[in-house]
Amino acid sequence: EFLPWCKSAGVLEEGEGYRVASIEIAKGGIGKTFTTRNTLDRPGRLQIDLVAGPFRHLEGDWSFESLGDDACKVSLEMKFEFSSALMGVAFGPVFAQISNTMLDAFVKRARVVHGNR
């Protein structure tokens, strides 16, 4: 609900320290679904790796660095390459914008849920 480009999302599999999830993204009439394996390396890292979708390569790394009891520094690094040049031309700018705004969307949501600290 807080990611305007996210049409649907769901967990397909869950195990100790990981989840396999699928997300359907849509923006400007263009939509694609992809699946990732999301591995939690507690306390401060979440690794994202492609399982299936319109990419040749997709990986992401969320990191959470404690700044005391009430704050943390959050960073996100995404690397991706589409499975074809045509897919990259058609969907590349949309996905780049989505990945560039994802961190801000999560920070805004955390403030709604947990308040400004």
Protein backbone atom coordinates (compact mmCIF):
# COMPACT_ATOMS: atom_id res chain seq x y z
CA GLU A 1 0.00 0.00 0.00
CA PHE A 2 2.91 2.40 0.57
CA LEU A 3 4.70 1.49 -2.68
CA PRO A 4 2.59 3.05 -5.44
CA TRP A 5 4.22 0.99 -8.19
CA CYS A 6 3.63 -2.34 -6.40
CA LYS A 7 0.54 -4.02 -7.84
CA SER A 8 0.87 -7.20 -5.76
CA ALA A 9 3.37 -9.08 -3.61
CA GLY A 10 3.43 -12.38 -1.77
CA VAL A 11 5.65 -14.86 0.02
CA LEU A 12 5.95 -18.15 -1.89
CA GLU A 13 8.26 -20.00 0.48
CA GLU A 14 9.65 -19.37 3.92
CA GLY A 15 12.49 -21.04 5.76
CA GLU A 16 14.93 -20.29 8.52
CA GLY A 17 16.57 -17.00 7.62
CA TYR A 18 15.04 -16.59 4.17
CA ARG A 19 11.89 -15.96 2.17
CA VAL A 20 11.17 -16.45 -1.50
CA ALA A 21 8.80 -13.73 -2.63
CA SER A 22 7.17 -12.56 -5.81
CA ILE A 23 6.34 -8.96 -6.64
CA GLU A 24 4.36 -7.49 -9.52
CA ILE A 25 5.38 -3.96 -10.39
CA ALA A 26 3.48 -1.62 -12.70
CA LYS A 27 4.08 1.95 -13.72
CA GLY A 28 2.90 3.90 -16.72
CA GLY A 29 1.00 0.96 -18.17
CA ILE A 30 4.06 -1.33 -18.07
CA GLY A 31 4.07 -4.25 -15.64
CA LYS A 32 6.33 -7.18 -14.83
CA THR A 33 6.52 -9.85 -12.14
CA PHE A 34 9.72 -11.22 -10.65
CA THR A 35 10.68 -13.54 -7.83
CA THR A 36 13.59 -13.18 -5.41
CA ARG A 37 15.18 -15.12 -2.58
CA ASN A 38 15.59 -12.75 0.37
CA THR A 39 18.15 -13.89 2.92
CA LEU A 40 18.32 -12.20 6.30
CA ASP A 41 21.77 -11.94 7.83
CA ARG A 42 20.91 -10.64 11.29
CA PRO A 43 21.15 -8.11 12.64
CA GLY A 44 21.99 -5.77 9.82
CA ARG A 45 21.71 -7.16 6.31
CA LEU A 46 19.13 -8.46 3.84
CA GLN A 47 20.47 -9.97 0.59
CA ILE A 48 18.16 -10.15 -2.46
CA ASP A 49 18.90 -12.59 -5.32
CA LEU A 50 16.92 -13.27 -8.48
CA VAL A 51 14.98 -16.52 -8.76
CA ALA A 52 12.86 -15.74 -11.86
CA GLY A 53 11.79 -12.75 -13.89
CA PRO A 54 12.69 -10.45 -16.76
CA PHE A 55 16.32 -10.08 -15.66
CA ARG A 56 19.57 -11.72 -16.63
CA HIS A 57 20.91 -10.58 -13.28
CA LEU A 58 19.36 -8.94 -10.21
CA GLU A 59 20.81 -8.56 -6.76
CA GLY A 60 20.17 -6.18 -3.93
CA ASP A 61 21.62 -5.50 -0.55
CA TRP A 62 19.76 -3.76 2.26
CA SER A 63 21.97 -2.81 5.21
CA PHE A 64 20.93 -1.49 8.61
CA GLU A 65 23.54 0.15 10.82
CA SER A 66 22.58 1.00 14.39
CA LEU A 67 22.98 4.64 15.39
CA GLY A 68 21.86 4.10 18.97
CA ASP A 69 18.67 2.87 20.61
CA ASP A 70 16.27 4.92 18.50
CA ALA A 71 17.84 5.21 15.07
CA CYS A 72 19.62 3.39 12.29
CA LYS A 73 21.18 4.16 8.95
CA VAL A 74 19.50 2.24 6.12
CA SER A 75 21.07 1.75 2.71
CA LEU A 76 20.06 -0.12 -0.40
CA GLU A 77 22.25 -1.12 -3.32
CA MET A 78 20.60 -2.65 -6.40
CA LYS A 79 22.34 -4.13 -9.42
CA PHE A 80 20.36 -5.44 -12.36
CA GLU A 81 20.56 -6.31 -16.03
CA PHE A 82 17.53 -7.20 -18.13
CA SER A 83 17.35 -10.48 -20.04
CA SER A 84 17.25 -8.72 -23.42
CA ALA A 85 18.15 -5.36 -24.87
CA LEU A 86 14.53 -4.77 -25.89
CA MET A 87 13.35 -5.44 -22.33
CA GLY A 88 15.99 -3.05 -21.04
CA VAL A 89 14.86 -0.29 -23.39
CA ALA A 90 11.16 -0.82 -22.59
CA PHE A 91 11.35 -1.37 -18.85
CA GLY A 92 14.82 -0.18 -17.79
CA PRO A 93 13.94 3.46 -17.04
CA VAL A 94 10.84 2.39 -15.10
CA PHE A 95 12.75 -0.12 -12.96
CA ALA A 96 15.59 2.34 -12.39
CA GLN A 97 13.11 4.91 -11.07
CA ILE A 98 11.45 2.29 -8.87
CA SER A 99 14.75 1.13 -7.36
CA ASN A 100 15.84 4.74 -6.83
CA THR A 101 12.67 5.59 -4.87
CA MET A 102 12.33 2.33 -2.91
CA LEU A 103 14.51 3.37 0.04
CA ASP A 104 12.65 6.67 0.48
CA ALA A 105 9.31 4.83 0.44
CA PHE A 106 10.44 2.44 3.18
CA VAL A 107 11.81 5.29 5.32
CA LYS A 108 8.50 7.17 5.00
CA ARG A 109 6.59 4.02 5.95
CA ALA A 110 8.83 3.43 8.99
CA ARG A 111 8.08 6.97 10.16
CA VAL A 112 4.34 6.32 9.84
CA VAL A 113 4.56 3.03 11.73
CA HIS A 114 7.17 3.98 14.35
CA GLY A 115 7.03 7.79 14.39
CA ASN A 116 9.89 10.26 14.04
CA ARG A 117 12.69 9.44 16.44
